[in-house]
N, C-alpha and C. Protein backbone atom coordinates (compact mmCIF):
# COMPACT_ATOMS: atom_id res chain seq x y z
N MET A 1 86.58 98.23 76.08
CA MET A 1 85.72 98.00 77.21
C MET A 1 86.34 97.01 78.20
N SER A 2 87.04 96.00 77.71
CA SER A 2 87.63 95.01 78.61
C SER A 2 88.77 95.61 79.44
N VAL A 3 89.51 96.57 78.87
CA VAL A 3 90.58 97.21 79.63
C VAL A 3 90.00 98.05 80.76
N LEU A 4 88.92 98.76 80.47
CA LEU A 4 88.25 99.56 81.49
C LEU A 4 87.70 98.66 82.60
N PHE A 5 87.12 97.53 82.23
CA PHE A 5 86.61 96.58 83.21
C PHE A 5 87.75 96.02 84.06
N ALA A 6 88.86 95.67 83.43
CA ALA A 6 90.00 95.13 84.16
C ALA A 6 90.57 96.15 85.14
N ALA A 7 90.66 97.40 84.72
CA ALA A 7 91.18 98.45 85.60
C ALA A 7 90.24 98.67 86.78
N ALA A 8 88.95 98.70 86.53
CA ALA A 8 87.98 98.89 87.61
C ALA A 8 88.00 97.70 88.56
N PHE A 9 88.10 96.50 88.02
CA PHE A 9 88.16 95.30 88.86
C PHE A 9 89.42 95.30 89.71
N ASN A 10 90.54 95.74 89.14
CA ASN A 10 91.80 95.82 89.88
C ASN A 10 91.67 96.77 91.07
N ILE A 11 91.07 97.92 90.85
CA ILE A 11 90.90 98.89 91.93
C ILE A 11 89.97 98.35 93.01
N VAL A 12 88.84 97.80 92.59
CA VAL A 12 87.87 97.27 93.55
C VAL A 12 88.47 96.11 94.35
N SER A 13 89.15 95.21 93.68
CA SER A 13 89.72 94.06 94.40
C SER A 13 90.84 94.49 95.34
N SER A 14 91.66 95.45 94.94
CA SER A 14 92.73 95.93 95.81
C SER A 14 92.19 96.59 97.07
N VAL A 15 91.21 97.44 96.90
CA VAL A 15 90.59 98.10 98.05
C VAL A 15 89.90 97.07 98.94
N SER A 16 89.25 96.09 98.34
CA SER A 16 88.58 95.05 99.12
C SER A 16 89.57 94.25 99.96
N ILE A 17 90.70 93.89 99.37
CA ILE A 17 91.72 93.15 100.11
C ILE A 17 92.23 93.96 101.29
N ILE A 18 92.46 95.25 101.08
CA ILE A 18 92.93 96.11 102.16
C ILE A 18 91.90 96.17 103.28
N LEU A 19 90.63 96.35 102.93
CA LEU A 19 89.58 96.44 103.95
C LEU A 19 89.41 95.13 104.72
N VAL A 20 89.47 94.02 104.01
CA VAL A 20 89.35 92.72 104.67
C VAL A 20 90.54 92.49 105.60
N ASN A 21 91.74 92.83 105.15
CA ASN A 21 92.92 92.67 105.99
C ASN A 21 92.82 93.54 107.25
N LYS A 22 92.31 94.75 107.10
CA LYS A 22 92.15 95.62 108.28
C LYS A 22 91.15 95.02 109.26
N GLN A 23 90.08 94.47 108.75
CA GLN A 23 89.08 93.84 109.63
C GLN A 23 89.68 92.63 110.35
N ILE A 24 90.41 91.81 109.62
CA ILE A 24 91.03 90.64 110.24
C ILE A 24 92.01 91.07 111.32
N ALA A 25 92.80 92.08 111.04
CA ALA A 25 93.80 92.54 112.01
C ALA A 25 93.16 93.18 113.22
N SER A 26 92.11 93.97 113.04
CA SER A 26 91.54 94.70 114.17
C SER A 26 90.46 93.91 114.91
N VAL A 27 89.50 93.37 114.20
CA VAL A 27 88.38 92.67 114.84
C VAL A 27 88.81 91.30 115.38
N CYS A 28 89.52 90.55 114.57
CA CYS A 28 89.92 89.20 114.98
C CYS A 28 91.22 89.19 115.77
N ARG A 29 91.85 90.34 115.92
CA ARG A 29 93.12 90.47 116.65
C ARG A 29 94.20 89.55 116.09
N PHE A 30 94.23 89.44 114.77
CA PHE A 30 95.26 88.63 114.11
C PHE A 30 96.45 89.55 113.85
N ASP A 31 97.48 89.43 114.69
CA ASP A 31 98.61 90.37 114.65
C ASP A 31 99.78 89.87 113.80
N PHE A 32 99.60 88.79 113.10
CA PHE A 32 100.69 88.24 112.29
C PHE A 32 100.57 88.76 110.86
N ILE A 33 100.99 89.99 110.67
CA ILE A 33 100.79 90.68 109.39
C ILE A 33 101.56 90.00 108.26
N LEU A 34 102.78 89.55 108.52
CA LEU A 34 103.55 88.88 107.47
C LEU A 34 102.90 87.56 107.06
N THR A 35 102.31 86.86 108.00
CA THR A 35 101.58 85.63 107.67
C THR A 35 100.38 85.94 106.79
N MET A 36 99.66 87.00 107.12
CA MET A 36 98.51 87.40 106.32
C MET A 36 98.96 87.82 104.92
N LEU A 37 100.06 88.53 104.83
CA LEU A 37 100.60 88.94 103.53
C LEU A 37 100.99 87.71 102.71
N PHE A 38 101.62 86.74 103.35
CA PHE A 38 102.00 85.51 102.66
C PHE A 38 100.76 84.76 102.16
N LEU A 39 99.72 84.70 102.99
CA LEU A 39 98.48 84.02 102.58
C LEU A 39 97.81 84.74 101.41
N ASN A 40 97.85 86.08 101.42
CA ASN A 40 97.32 86.84 100.28
C ASN A 40 98.10 86.51 99.01
N PHE A 41 99.41 86.48 99.11
CA PHE A 41 100.25 86.17 97.96
C PHE A 41 99.99 84.75 97.46
N LEU A 42 99.91 83.81 98.39
CA LEU A 42 99.68 82.41 98.01
C LEU A 42 98.32 82.23 97.33
N THR A 43 97.30 82.90 97.85
CA THR A 43 95.97 82.82 97.26
C THR A 43 95.96 83.41 95.85
N THR A 44 96.60 84.57 95.69
CA THR A 44 96.65 85.20 94.37
C THR A 44 97.40 84.33 93.37
N ALA A 45 98.54 83.80 93.78
CA ALA A 45 99.33 82.96 92.88
C ALA A 45 98.56 81.69 92.50
N SER A 46 97.87 81.10 93.45
CA SER A 46 97.09 79.89 93.17
C SER A 46 95.94 80.18 92.21
N LEU A 47 95.25 81.27 92.45
CA LEU A 47 94.13 81.63 91.58
C LEU A 47 94.62 81.92 90.16
N LEU A 48 95.74 82.61 90.04
CA LEU A 48 96.29 82.89 88.72
C LEU A 48 96.71 81.61 88.00
N GLU A 49 97.24 80.65 88.74
CA GLU A 49 97.60 79.36 88.12
C GLU A 49 96.36 78.64 87.61
N VAL A 50 95.29 78.66 88.40
CA VAL A 50 94.04 78.02 87.98
C VAL A 50 93.49 78.70 86.74
N LEU A 51 93.46 80.03 86.74
CA LEU A 51 92.95 80.77 85.58
C LEU A 51 93.80 80.53 84.34
N ALA A 52 95.11 80.40 84.51
CA ALA A 52 95.98 80.10 83.38
C ALA A 52 95.70 78.70 82.83
N LYS A 53 95.44 77.76 83.72
CA LYS A 53 95.11 76.39 83.27
C LYS A 53 93.77 76.36 82.54
N LEU A 54 92.85 77.24 82.95
CA LEU A 54 91.55 77.33 82.28
C LEU A 54 91.62 78.18 81.01
N ARG A 55 92.80 78.64 80.69
CA ARG A 55 93.09 79.44 79.48
C ARG A 55 92.34 80.78 79.47
N TRP A 56 92.21 81.40 80.63
CA TRP A 56 91.64 82.75 80.69
C TRP A 56 92.68 83.76 80.21
N PHE A 57 93.94 83.41 80.35
CA PHE A 57 95.03 84.23 79.84
C PHE A 57 96.22 83.33 79.59
N GLU A 58 97.16 83.86 78.85
CA GLU A 58 98.35 83.10 78.50
C GLU A 58 99.52 83.57 79.36
N LYS A 59 100.21 82.61 79.96
CA LYS A 59 101.39 82.95 80.75
C LYS A 59 102.49 83.41 79.80
N LYS A 60 103.18 84.45 80.22
CA LYS A 60 104.32 84.93 79.44
C LYS A 60 105.52 85.03 80.35
N HIS A 61 106.67 84.67 79.84
CA HIS A 61 107.89 84.68 80.62
C HIS A 61 108.90 85.63 79.97
N LEU A 62 109.55 86.41 80.80
CA LEU A 62 110.63 87.26 80.30
C LEU A 62 111.91 86.45 80.22
N PRO A 63 112.70 86.69 79.19
CA PRO A 63 114.03 86.06 79.17
C PRO A 63 114.85 86.55 80.37
N MET A 64 115.78 85.75 80.82
CA MET A 64 116.55 86.06 82.03
C MET A 64 117.26 87.40 81.92
N ARG A 65 117.79 87.73 80.78
CA ARG A 65 118.53 88.99 80.62
C ARG A 65 117.60 90.20 80.84
N GLU A 66 116.41 90.17 80.27
CA GLU A 66 115.46 91.27 80.45
C GLU A 66 114.97 91.33 81.89
N ARG A 67 114.81 90.18 82.52
CA ARG A 67 114.38 90.14 83.91
C ARG A 67 115.43 90.79 84.81
N ASP A 68 116.69 90.47 84.57
CA ASP A 68 117.77 91.06 85.37
C ASP A 68 117.85 92.54 85.15
N THR A 69 117.72 92.99 83.89
CA THR A 69 117.78 94.41 83.58
C THR A 69 116.64 95.16 84.26
N SER A 70 115.44 94.58 84.25
CA SER A 70 114.30 95.21 84.91
C SER A 70 114.52 95.32 86.41
N ALA A 71 115.09 94.28 87.01
CA ALA A 71 115.33 94.29 88.45
C ALA A 71 116.37 95.34 88.81
N ILE A 72 117.39 95.48 87.99
CA ILE A 72 118.44 96.47 88.26
C ILE A 72 117.89 97.88 88.12
N GLN A 73 117.01 98.10 87.15
CA GLN A 73 116.46 99.45 86.96
C GLN A 73 115.59 99.87 88.12
N VAL A 74 114.95 98.94 88.78
CA VAL A 74 114.11 99.28 89.93
C VAL A 74 114.98 99.77 91.08
N TRP A 75 116.12 99.14 91.27
CA TRP A 75 117.00 99.53 92.37
C TRP A 75 117.75 100.76 92.00
């Protein structure tokens, strides 16, 4: 049940972010899309740090070798 909830929340939050960004860009005439993207990233990273400190989830780190291999496979 928690996986289904997480998937549904991911979809709803992603669509919500897109709709809010469209409103900000069109209604408020905020034409600095890269700034808005940076603010979205900063907000997400900050919230995840707070949730990790509250122990909602455990941070996991990939070893450098696996991280490099994953990056190379994407390209």
